[in-house]
Every structure is written in structure tokens, then in C-alpha cells.
Amino acid sequence: MGDKLQWSNEQVKCLLDTCIEEAHQLGSPGGRLHKESWVMLGKDLKETFDMDTSQKQLKNAFDNLKAKCVGWKY
């Protein structure tokens, strides 16, 4: 499995929605997600989109989106 995934808009939305939901459940909006959170996110993507992802791929995708958001805000 390569490190670079192609993300559809629906997959990105699922990634962001799940990350936001998990951060609120952890009581740390804007904070970091726990390892278990990334595992749960991977399971959600597997069930919904049949995507096989690693924690590193998920974190990279999320960090990439955060960087774009900072750029857009600037």
C-alpha cells in the first residue's frame, strides 16, 4: 500500500466529520486525536468506502487539509 491516497470529496467529508465528532467526544476540539481515534476513523472509512488506510495516511491527509485551511484563511 502506497503512502499517497486519492481522496474523493465524500471521503474528505467523512474524514473531517469523524475527526470533528471524535475531538468533541474527547473534549479537545482543535486538539490532537488519540491513536484509538485514528483506528476508529480507519474503520469508518473501511466500512463506508472500502478504503484500506494506515494511521500515517489518515494523519497525513488530515494535516494536509489543516495546512490548506490555514492557507485559505491567510
Protein backbone atom coordinates (compact mmCIF):
# COMPACT_ATOMS: atom_id res chain seq x y z
CA MET A 1 0.00 0.00 0.00
CA GLY A 2 1.48 3.35 -1.07
CA ASP A 3 1.54 6.40 1.16
CA LYS A 4 -0.38 8.70 -1.20
CA LEU A 5 -4.15 8.19 -1.46
CA GLN A 6 -6.58 9.86 -3.81
CA TRP A 7 -9.45 11.31 -1.77
CA SER A 8 -12.92 11.98 -3.17
CA ASN A 9 -14.97 14.86 -1.78
CA GLU A 10 -17.20 12.36 0.04
CA GLN A 11 -14.20 10.68 1.64
CA VAL A 12 -12.76 14.03 2.75
CA LYS A 13 -16.12 14.97 4.26
CA CYS A 14 -16.26 11.66 6.15
CA LEU A 15 -12.68 12.19 7.38
CA LEU A 16 -13.43 15.71 8.63
CA ASP A 17 -16.83 14.89 10.12
CA THR A 18 -15.42 11.91 12.00
CA CYS A 19 -12.40 13.87 13.25
CA ILE A 20 -14.63 16.71 14.48
CA GLU A 21 -17.00 14.28 16.20
CA GLU A 22 -14.12 12.43 17.85
CA ALA A 23 -12.46 15.66 19.03
CA HIS A 24 -15.71 16.78 20.64
CA GLN A 25 -16.14 13.40 22.35
CA LEU A 26 -12.60 13.65 23.69
CA GLY A 27 -13.32 17.15 24.94
CA SER A 28 -10.48 18.64 22.94
CA PRO A 29 -11.82 20.50 19.89
CA GLY A 30 -8.84 21.74 17.93
CA GLY A 31 -6.57 19.32 19.78
CA ARG A 32 -4.88 16.12 18.73
CA LEU A 33 -6.64 12.82 18.25
CA HIS A 34 -5.64 9.72 20.17
CA LYS A 35 -4.30 6.59 18.48
CA GLU A 36 -7.65 4.89 19.11
CA SER A 37 -9.36 7.75 17.28
CA TRP A 38 -7.33 7.10 14.14
CA VAL A 39 -8.17 3.38 14.36
CA MET A 40 -11.90 4.22 14.61
CA LEU A 41 -11.61 6.62 11.68
CA GLY A 42 -9.91 3.94 9.60
CA LYS A 43 -12.74 1.52 10.40
CA ASP A 44 -15.35 4.10 9.38
CA LEU A 45 -13.63 4.68 6.04
CA LYS A 46 -13.26 0.92 5.50
CA GLU A 47 -16.96 0.31 6.20
CA THR A 48 -18.22 3.27 4.18
CA PHE A 49 -15.79 3.40 1.24
CA ASP A 50 -13.90 0.08 1.43
CA MET A 51 -10.67 2.09 1.90
CA ASP A 52 -7.65 0.44 3.49
CA THR A 53 -5.69 3.14 5.28
CA SER A 54 -2.91 3.32 7.81
CA GLN A 55 -2.79 5.74 10.73
CA LYS A 56 0.02 7.58 8.95
CA GLN A 57 -2.07 8.04 5.80
CA LEU A 58 -5.03 9.35 7.79
CA LYS A 59 -2.89 11.75 9.80
CA ASN A 60 -1.12 12.96 6.64
CA ALA A 61 -4.45 13.60 4.93
CA PHE A 62 -5.76 15.48 7.97
CA ASP A 63 -2.57 17.53 8.35
CA ASN A 64 -2.67 18.34 4.64
CA LEU A 65 -6.23 19.64 4.97
CA LYS A 66 -5.26 21.69 8.03
CA ALA A 67 -2.40 23.29 6.11
CA LYS A 68 -4.72 24.15 3.21
CA CYS A 69 -7.22 25.67 5.64
CA VAL A 70 -4.50 27.89 7.14
CA GLY A 71 -3.53 28.97 3.64
CA TRP A 72 -7.12 29.76 2.69
CA LYS A 73 -7.63 31.76 5.88
CA TYR A 74 -4.49 33.79 5.19
